[in-house]
Protein backbone atom coordinates (compact mmCIF):
# COMPACT_ATOMS: atom_id res chain seq x y z
CA MET A 1 -4.34 51.73 -20.80
CA ARG A 2 -4.22 49.92 -16.88
CA ASP A 3 -6.56 47.42 -17.83
CA ARG A 4 -4.61 46.35 -21.08
CA GLN A 5 -1.34 46.15 -18.92
CA ALA A 6 -2.99 43.97 -16.55
CA ARG A 7 -4.53 41.78 -19.25
CA LEU A 8 -1.13 41.45 -21.11
CA ALA A 9 0.44 40.59 -17.78
CA THR A 10 -1.91 37.53 -16.78
CA PHE A 11 -1.70 36.33 -20.40
CA GLY A 12 2.01 36.19 -19.86
CA ALA A 13 1.67 34.49 -16.41
CA PHE A 14 -0.67 31.84 -17.95
CA GLY A 15 1.83 31.32 -20.73
CA ILE A 16 4.93 30.91 -18.52
CA GLN A 17 2.85 28.38 -16.55
CA GLY A 18 1.97 26.39 -19.47
CA LEU A 19 5.62 26.42 -20.97
CA CYS A 20 7.19 25.32 -17.81
CA PHE A 21 4.41 22.48 -17.07
CA ALA A 22 4.81 21.18 -20.40
CA SER A 23 8.05 20.69 -20.50
CA LEU A 24 8.15 18.53 -17.37
CA VAL A 25 4.98 16.32 -18.22
CA THR A 26 5.99 15.39 -21.54
CA ARG A 27 9.29 14.00 -20.29
CA VAL A 28 7.74 11.87 -17.57
CA PRO A 29 9.14 8.46 -19.18
CA GLN A 30 12.33 10.16 -18.86
CA ILE A 31 12.53 11.39 -16.12
CA GLN A 32 11.15 7.51 -15.08
CA ASP A 33 14.31 5.83 -16.73
CA ALA A 34 16.50 8.37 -15.42
CA HIS A 35 15.73 7.72 -11.90
CA GLY A 36 14.98 3.92 -12.46
CA LEU A 37 11.81 4.43 -11.17
CA SER A 38 9.18 1.48 -11.15
CA ASP A 39 5.41 2.33 -12.26
CA ALA A 40 4.14 2.15 -8.84
CA ASP A 41 7.18 4.95 -7.89
CA LEU A 42 6.32 6.79 -10.87
CA ALA A 43 2.46 7.08 -9.81
CA ILE A 44 3.62 8.09 -6.50
CA VAL A 45 5.49 10.89 -7.89
CA LEU A 46 2.92 12.05 -10.00
CA LEU A 47 0.46 12.09 -7.28
CA LEU A 48 2.71 14.01 -5.29
CA VAL A 49 2.27 16.99 -7.48
CA PRO A 50 -1.60 17.55 -7.18
CA VAL A 51 -1.53 16.51 -3.53
CA ILE A 52 1.10 19.24 -2.43
CA ALA A 53 -0.52 21.47 -5.06
CA GLY A 54 -3.98 21.80 -3.35
CA VAL A 55 -1.86 22.94 0.10
CA GLY A 56 0.00 25.63 -2.19
CA SER A 57 -3.47 26.59 -3.26
CA THR A 58 -5.38 26.75 -0.04
CA LEU A 59 -2.65 29.08 1.32
CA SER A 60 -2.52 31.49 -1.48
CA GLY A 61 -6.28 31.95 -0.78
CA LEU A 62 -5.60 33.18 2.58
CA LEU A 63 -2.83 35.13 1.42
CA PHE A 64 -5.09 36.89 -1.25
CA THR A 65 -7.25 38.69 1.28
CA ARG A 66 -4.31 40.65 3.08
CA TYR A 67 -1.83 41.13 -0.36
CA GLY A 68 -3.83 40.21 -3.15
CA SER A 69 -3.22 37.70 -5.90
CA ALA A 70 -0.61 39.22 -7.86
CA VAL A 71 2.30 39.54 -4.65
CA VAL A 72 1.18 35.71 -4.31
CA LEU A 73 1.90 35.16 -8.04
CA ARG A 74 5.31 37.33 -8.35
CA VAL A 75 6.83 35.32 -5.88
CA ALA A 76 5.55 31.71 -6.71
CA GLN A 77 5.84 31.45 -10.58
CA PRO A 78 9.89 32.34 -10.47
CA ALA A 79 9.79 29.39 -7.71
CA VAL A 80 7.91 27.18 -9.98
CA CYS A 81 10.61 27.51 -12.66
CA VAL A 82 13.57 27.27 -10.27
CA ALA A 83 11.68 23.97 -8.88
CA ALA A 84 11.53 22.65 -12.36
CA VAL A 85 15.08 23.01 -12.96
CA LEU A 86 15.93 21.22 -9.27
CA ILE A 87 14.00 18.07 -10.86
CA GLY A 88 16.89 18.30 -13.61
CA LEU A 89 19.36 18.45 -10.97
CA THR A 90 18.12 15.09 -9.26
CA GLY A 91 20.18 12.66 -10.83
CA GLY A 92 19.24 9.26 -9.93
CA GLU A 93 18.32 9.98 -6.30
CA LEU A 94 14.77 9.46 -5.10
CA LEU A 95 14.69 11.54 -1.83
CA PRO A 96 16.16 14.87 -3.96
CA LEU A 97 13.70 14.04 -6.40
CA TYR A 98 10.67 13.87 -3.97
CA GLY A 99 11.72 17.02 -2.34
CA ALA A 100 11.92 18.86 -5.90
CA VAL A 101 8.63 17.50 -7.07
CA ALA A 102 6.86 18.78 -3.32
CA LEU A 103 8.47 22.24 -4.22
CA PHE A 104 7.19 22.27 -7.78
CA GLY A 105 3.60 21.20 -6.51
CA LEU A 106 3.47 23.72 -3.77
CA PHE A 107 4.30 26.67 -6.15
CA VAL A 108 2.05 25.32 -9.07
CA GLY A 109 -0.80 25.53 -6.64
CA ALA A 110 -0.07 28.75 -5.57
CA VAL A 111 0.41 29.94 -9.29
CA ASP A 112 -2.94 28.46 -10.38
CA ALA A 113 -4.97 29.87 -7.57
CA SER A 114 -3.36 33.59 -8.08
CA MET A 115 -3.16 33.65 -12.23
CA ASN A 116 -6.80 32.61 -12.04
CA ALA A 117 -7.68 35.15 -9.58
CA GLN A 118 -6.07 37.69 -11.85
CA ALA A 119 -8.07 36.29 -14.95
CA VAL A 120 -11.58 36.79 -13.29
CA ALA A 121 -10.42 40.47 -12.05
CA VAL A 122 -9.59 41.12 -15.63
CA GLU A 123 -12.95 39.74 -16.70
CA ARG A 124 -14.53 41.65 -13.89
CA HIS A 125 -13.11 45.02 -15.04
CA GLU A 126 -14.38 44.57 -19.03
CA GLN A 127 -17.41 43.13 -17.93
CA ARG A 128 -17.48 40.16 -20.46
CA SER A 129 -16.28 36.72 -20.91
CA VAL A 130 -12.69 36.89 -21.69
CA ILE A 131 -11.41 33.92 -19.21
CA SER A 132 -11.38 31.31 -22.09
CA GLY A 133 -8.48 33.50 -23.84
CA PHE A 134 -6.25 33.30 -21.06
CA TYR A 135 -6.41 29.23 -20.95
CA ALA A 136 -5.76 29.64 -24.88
CA VAL A 137 -2.54 30.93 -24.62
CA TRP A 138 -1.67 28.57 -21.39
CA SER A 139 -2.14 26.13 -24.54
CA VAL A 140 -0.03 27.74 -26.85
CA ALA A 141 2.75 27.79 -24.58
CA GLY A 142 2.01 23.81 -23.84
CA ILE A 143 2.39 23.53 -27.36
CA ALA A 144 5.71 25.29 -27.14
CA GLY A 145 6.67 22.94 -24.50
CA GLY A 146 6.05 19.85 -26.27
CA LEU A 147 7.73 20.22 -29.09
CA TRP A 148 10.58 21.47 -26.91
CA ALA A 149 10.57 18.00 -25.24
CA SER A 150 9.90 16.26 -28.71
CA PHE A 151 13.44 17.93 -29.91
CA ALA A 152 15.28 17.19 -26.22
CA ASN A 153 14.38 13.50 -26.48
CA SER A 154 15.62 13.39 -30.41
CA GLN A 155 18.70 14.83 -29.40
CA ASP A 156 19.40 12.51 -26.18
CA MET A 157 19.40 15.97 -24.00
CA SER A 158 19.66 15.53 -20.40
CA LEU A 159 17.00 16.60 -17.96
CA PHE A 160 18.55 19.51 -16.75
CA THR A 161 19.38 21.24 -20.09
CA GLY A 162 15.87 20.23 -21.18
CA PHE A 163 14.34 22.05 -18.09
CA VAL A 164 16.63 25.00 -17.56
CA ILE A 165 16.11 26.88 -21.07
CA PRO A 166 12.10 27.14 -20.63
CA SER A 167 12.53 28.10 -16.98
CA ALA A 168 14.82 30.77 -17.83
CA LEU A 169 12.47 32.16 -20.04
CA GLY A 170 9.99 31.71 -17.37
CA VAL A 171 11.82 33.82 -14.69
CA ALA A 172 12.42 36.30 -17.01
CA GLY A 173 9.23 36.71 -17.97
CA ALA A 174 7.66 36.64 -14.89
CA LEU A 175 10.07 39.48 -13.25
CA ALA A 176 9.32 41.22 -16.36
CA LEU A 177 5.45 41.38 -16.49
CA GLY A 178 5.02 41.08 -12.54
CA PRO A 179 4.85 44.89 -11.73
CA PHE A 180 1.85 45.11 -14.18
CA LEU A 181 -0.52 42.77 -12.55
CA TYR A 182 -3.60 44.05 -10.92
CA ARG A 183 -2.62 44.93 -7.31
CA ARG A 184 -5.15 44.31 -4.55
CA ARG A 185 -6.91 47.51 -4.21
CA GLU A 186 -7.57 47.07 -7.97
CA GLU A 187 -9.02 43.70 -7.75
CA ALA A 188 -11.79 44.89 -5.59
CA GLY A 189 -13.37 48.03 -4.51
CA GLY A 190 -10.83 48.12 -1.90
CA PRO A 191 -12.95 46.79 1.45
CA SER A 192 -11.50 46.44 4.80
CA ALA A 193 -10.60 43.56 6.58
CA GLU A 194 -13.79 42.91 8.33
CA GLU A 195 -15.72 43.54 5.43
CA ILE A 196 -13.61 40.83 3.79
CA LYS A 197 -14.18 38.32 6.45
CA ALA A 198 -18.18 39.15 6.48
CA ALA A 199 -18.17 38.59 2.74
CA ALA A 200 -16.12 35.53 2.52
CA LYS A 201 -18.18 33.63 5.06
CA ARG A 202 -21.13 34.71 2.67
CA VAL A 203 -19.78 32.93 -0.31
CA PRO A 204 -21.65 29.91 -0.65
CA TRP A 205 -19.99 26.58 -0.97
CA ARG A 206 -23.18 24.41 -2.62
CA PRO A 207 -22.62 26.15 -6.08
CA ILE A 208 -18.73 26.09 -6.06
CA LEU A 209 -19.15 22.40 -5.13
CA LEU A 210 -21.19 21.48 -8.12
CA VAL A 211 -18.96 23.23 -10.50
CA GLY A 212 -16.27 21.75 -8.46
CA ILE A 213 -17.21 18.31 -9.22
CA ALA A 214 -17.39 18.92 -12.68
CA MET A 215 -13.95 20.47 -13.01
CA GLY A 216 -12.58 17.40 -11.02
CA SER A 217 -13.95 15.63 -13.51
CA PHE A 218 -12.43 17.21 -16.00
CA TYR A 219 -9.08 17.30 -14.17
CA ILE A 220 -8.95 13.51 -13.76
CA ALA A 221 -9.35 13.08 -17.70
CA ASP A 222 -6.70 15.69 -17.95
CA ALA A 223 -4.38 14.09 -15.37
CA ALA A 224 -4.47 10.77 -17.48
CA ILE A 225 -3.59 12.64 -20.89
CA SER A 226 -1.01 15.22 -19.11
CA ASN A 227 0.75 12.86 -17.44
CA TYR A 228 0.13 9.23 -19.02
CA SER A 229 -0.32 10.17 -22.76
CA ALA A 230 3.50 9.86 -23.54
CA LYS A 231 3.84 6.55 -21.55
CA TYR A 232 0.67 5.11 -23.27
CA LEU A 233 1.89 5.68 -26.80
CA GLU A 234 5.77 4.32 -26.26
CA ASP A 235 4.18 1.21 -24.09
CA GLU A 236 1.49 0.07 -25.70
CA LEU A 237 1.06 1.46 -29.14
CA ALA A 238 4.92 1.34 -29.89
CA ALA A 239 5.54 5.09 -30.23
CA SER A 240 9.39 6.06 -30.35
CA ALA A 241 10.21 8.79 -28.06
CA THR A 242 10.13 11.81 -29.92
CA VAL A 243 6.64 10.64 -31.52
CA ALA A 244 5.00 10.04 -27.80
CA PRO A 245 5.00 13.89 -26.78
CA LEU A 246 3.23 14.71 -29.72
CA ALA A 247 -0.12 13.35 -28.11
CA TYR A 248 0.26 16.22 -25.60
CA VAL A 249 0.91 18.90 -28.39
CA ALA A 250 -2.13 17.82 -30.12
CA TYR A 251 -4.25 18.08 -26.89
CA GLN A 252 -2.91 21.49 -26.58
CA VAL A 253 -3.06 22.55 -30.38
CA ALA A 254 -6.67 21.43 -29.97
CA MET A 255 -7.32 23.35 -26.88
CA VAL A 256 -6.00 26.50 -28.62
CA LEU A 257 -8.51 26.73 -31.17
CA SER A 258 -11.27 25.75 -28.88
CA ARG A 259 -10.52 28.11 -26.22
CA SER A 260 -10.13 31.09 -28.57
CA ILE A 261 -13.90 30.87 -29.40
CA ALA A 262 -15.25 29.59 -26.30
CA ASP A 263 -15.75 33.34 -24.66
CA PHE A 264 -17.93 33.88 -28.09
CA GLY A 265 -19.74 31.04 -27.91
CA VAL A 266 -20.30 31.55 -24.07
CA ARG A 267 -21.52 35.45 -24.76
CA SER A 268 -23.93 34.01 -27.44
CA PHE A 269 -25.20 31.21 -26.09
CA GLY A 270 -24.37 31.04 -22.35
CA PRO A 271 -22.03 28.93 -20.22
CA VAL A 272 -24.43 25.66 -20.20
CA LEU A 273 -24.71 25.12 -23.89
CA VAL A 274 -20.91 25.37 -24.17
CA VAL A 275 -20.10 22.96 -21.44
CA ARG A 276 -22.87 20.16 -22.34
CA ILE A 277 -21.35 20.58 -25.84
CA GLY A 278 -17.83 20.49 -24.90
CA ALA A 279 -18.17 17.26 -22.66
CA VAL A 280 -20.16 15.43 -25.22
CA VAL A 281 -17.37 15.89 -27.82
CA GLY A 282 -14.69 15.44 -25.15
CA PHE A 283 -16.08 12.06 -24.20
CA LEU A 284 -16.00 11.15 -27.91
CA GLY A 285 -12.45 11.80 -27.92
CA MET A 286 -11.79 9.72 -24.88
CA LEU A 287 -13.31 6.72 -26.26
CA GLY A 288 -11.37 6.95 -29.27
CA VAL A 289 -8.02 7.23 -27.19
CA ILE A 290 -9.09 3.83 -25.68
CA ILE A 291 -9.73 2.17 -28.63
CA ALA A 292 -7.10 3.09 -30.78
CA PRO A 293 -5.10 0.62 -32.60
CA ASN A 294 -1.77 2.95 -33.10
CA ALA A 295 -0.23 6.58 -32.01
CA LEU A 296 -1.16 7.99 -35.15
CA LEU A 297 -5.33 7.23 -34.54
CA ALA A 298 -4.55 7.74 -30.58
CA ILE A 299 -3.18 11.70 -31.17
CA ALA A 300 -6.18 12.14 -33.74
CA ALA A 301 -8.36 10.86 -30.72
CA VAL A 302 -6.68 13.07 -28.12
CA THR A 303 -7.11 16.17 -30.31
CA VAL A 304 -10.54 15.50 -30.58
CA MET A 305 -11.21 15.29 -26.39
CA GLY A 306 -9.15 18.55 -26.16
CA LEU A 307 -11.27 20.33 -28.56
CA GLY A 308 -14.17 19.45 -25.87
CA VAL A 309 -13.29 19.30 -22.45
CA CYS A 310 -11.13 22.12 -22.47
CA VAL A 311 -13.97 24.72 -21.74
CA VAL A 312 -14.58 23.17 -18.55
CA ALA A 313 -11.78 24.73 -16.71
CA PRO A 314 -12.27 28.53 -17.52
CA ILE A 315 -16.16 28.70 -17.44
CA ALA A 316 -15.84 26.88 -13.89
CA PHE A 317 -13.54 29.76 -12.78
CA SER A 318 -16.16 32.47 -14.32
CA ALA A 319 -18.94 30.91 -12.78
CA ALA A 320 -17.33 30.61 -9.29
CA ASP A 321 -16.72 34.30 -9.30
CA ARG A 322 -20.12 35.14 -9.89
CA VAL A 323 -20.97 34.20 -6.12
CA ASP A 324 -18.33 35.73 -4.74
CA GLY A 325 -18.95 39.13 -2.89
CA THR A 326 -15.54 39.87 -2.18
CA GLY A 327 -14.47 40.33 -5.22
CA LEU A 328 -10.67 39.03 -4.24
CA GLY A 329 -11.02 35.50 -5.67
CA ILE A 330 -11.68 33.63 -2.52
CA ALA A 331 -14.40 31.54 -4.42
CA VAL A 332 -11.53 31.04 -7.37
CA SER A 333 -9.21 29.77 -4.52
CA ARG A 334 -11.95 27.64 -3.52
CA VAL A 335 -13.13 25.95 -6.93
CA ASN A 336 -9.29 25.41 -7.73
CA LEU A 337 -8.96 23.11 -5.08
CA PHE A 338 -11.10 20.91 -6.92
CA ASN A 339 -8.13 20.95 -9.98
CA TYR A 340 -5.72 18.92 -7.43
CA VAL A 341 -8.54 16.67 -6.28
CA GLY A 342 -9.01 16.09 -9.88
CA PHE A 343 -5.34 15.45 -10.76
CA VAL A 344 -5.00 13.36 -7.51
CA LEU A 345 -7.38 10.94 -8.31
CA GLY A 346 -6.31 10.78 -11.55
CA ALA A 347 -3.06 10.09 -10.67
CA GLY A 348 -3.62 7.72 -8.16
CA ILE A 349 -6.27 5.99 -10.55
CA ILE A 350 -4.25 5.90 -13.78
CA GLY A 351 -1.19 5.08 -11.77
CA ALA A 352 -2.84 2.19 -9.71
CA PHE A 353 -3.61 0.48 -13.66
CA ALA A 354 -0.15 1.62 -15.16
CA SER A 355 1.78 -0.57 -12.12
CA ALA A 356 -0.50 -3.32 -12.39
CA ASP A 357 0.67 -6.62 -14.73
CA GLY A 358 -0.86 -6.71 -18.29
CA ASP A 359 -0.52 -4.99 -21.62
CA SER A 360 -3.95 -3.19 -21.70
CA ASN A 361 -3.89 -1.45 -18.38
CA LEU A 362 -3.89 1.68 -19.42
CA ARG A 363 -6.22 1.35 -21.92
CA LEU A 364 -8.96 0.12 -19.21
CA ALA A 365 -7.62 2.76 -17.20
CA PHE A 366 -9.01 5.29 -19.51
CA THR A 367 -12.39 4.22 -19.50
CA ILE A 368 -12.83 5.88 -15.81
CA PRO A 369 -12.32 9.21 -16.74
CA ALA A 370 -14.49 8.75 -20.05
CA GLY A 371 -17.18 7.82 -17.68
CA LEU A 372 -16.85 11.14 -15.84
CA ILE A 373 -16.75 13.27 -18.89
CA LEU A 374 -20.32 12.19 -19.15
CA LEU A 375 -20.90 13.53 -15.46
CA ILE A 376 -19.98 17.08 -16.59
CA VAL A 377 -23.06 16.84 -18.89
CA LEU A 378 -25.51 16.56 -16.18
CA LEU A 379 -23.71 19.11 -13.85
CA ALA A 380 -23.96 21.84 -16.82
CA PRO A 381 -26.51 23.81 -15.28
CA SER A 382 -24.15 24.63 -12.03
CA PHE A 383 -22.12 26.80 -14.78
CA SER A 384 -24.84 29.58 -14.83
CA PRO A 385 -25.01 30.35 -10.87
CA LYS A 386 -27.43 32.89 -9.51
CA THR A 387 -25.49 35.77 -7.16
CA PRO A 388 -26.80 34.75 -3.72
CA ALA A 389 -29.22 37.19 -2.14
CA GLY A 390 -27.17 39.80 0.31
CA ALA A 391 -24.10 39.24 -1.51
CA ALA A 392 -22.12 42.38 -2.73
CA GLU A 393 -21.45 42.78 -6.49
CA PRO A 394 -17.75 43.08 -7.17
CA SER A 395 -17.17 46.16 -9.27
CA PRO A 396 -14.12 47.63 -10.93
CA ALA A 397 -12.09 50.00 -8.74
């Protein structure tokens, strides 16, 4: 019963994060119009989120060893929802926008690290691959957020109204489910502070680095779709403001379908083969986005891309946890940094092309994440690391 409670609470955390994130990123063109941002200014705003999120993720990793990931998650998740509302209240002023976006990024980083630490704790207790299911819930909520943004655009809804409704649902859900998350002593076998510190030093960086590079490559591609798919469809494929958010919706639908069966694939064939196949399919989808002549085919290509690359992130966290002797998510918080490295590079690369002159800049920019997806194929063996000698095997309390 206790494990079931923690699992459901973690599902809720992933769902809330997916809903709030999708509600925000699918209205990027409207944020740009409301503040009169140039493409270069928009790139800076989008770049600010992953940069500050990396700080939030790092700080949360330091707090895990003292308080556990549940405490961090219970504070940071409602704060993400509030920060999204603040973005909608900034009006046309740039300084308040930057401040609200920075707060959003800080708490997003803390939530990402802590909810993934909870997910690997659930997987550790159940002793089987289940983490992809949490990401499937994230994608289901992302679909809801994208559809909500499409409706909000069709009704000319203000940014504040469009953000406050999903944020209110998120705060209510976080407060209700937070008490059921795994506590610090339940995440691992309750080692002392000295044992935690010693074990953290034995968490090796090499396997984390290899998995992290693959994960960063995925998030560069993910940043391109999440931040710029709506703008790409509107600016280059002449899609309406109602249709443009549907690319992100299709992307998340594909992720739900793929992640709902990914755990079965990992159990049957291992993580390496699943990651390799996913990367090849993702590359073909990204290639389709680049050459798509209209919005309909671009949405179809985004769907194919989502089917493939979505397996990378959850399996990366699971792989990192295998080399973590503390059982408290230290390796998870480290590999989570590559999430933001990818988003920073993705926002910077795509933003640089988007802010240049010409009609085909985003098409050209998308070739870079397409190439990096192929790099994941080469790095696939790193998703099945060996537990280092001398590291304690984490066990459920």
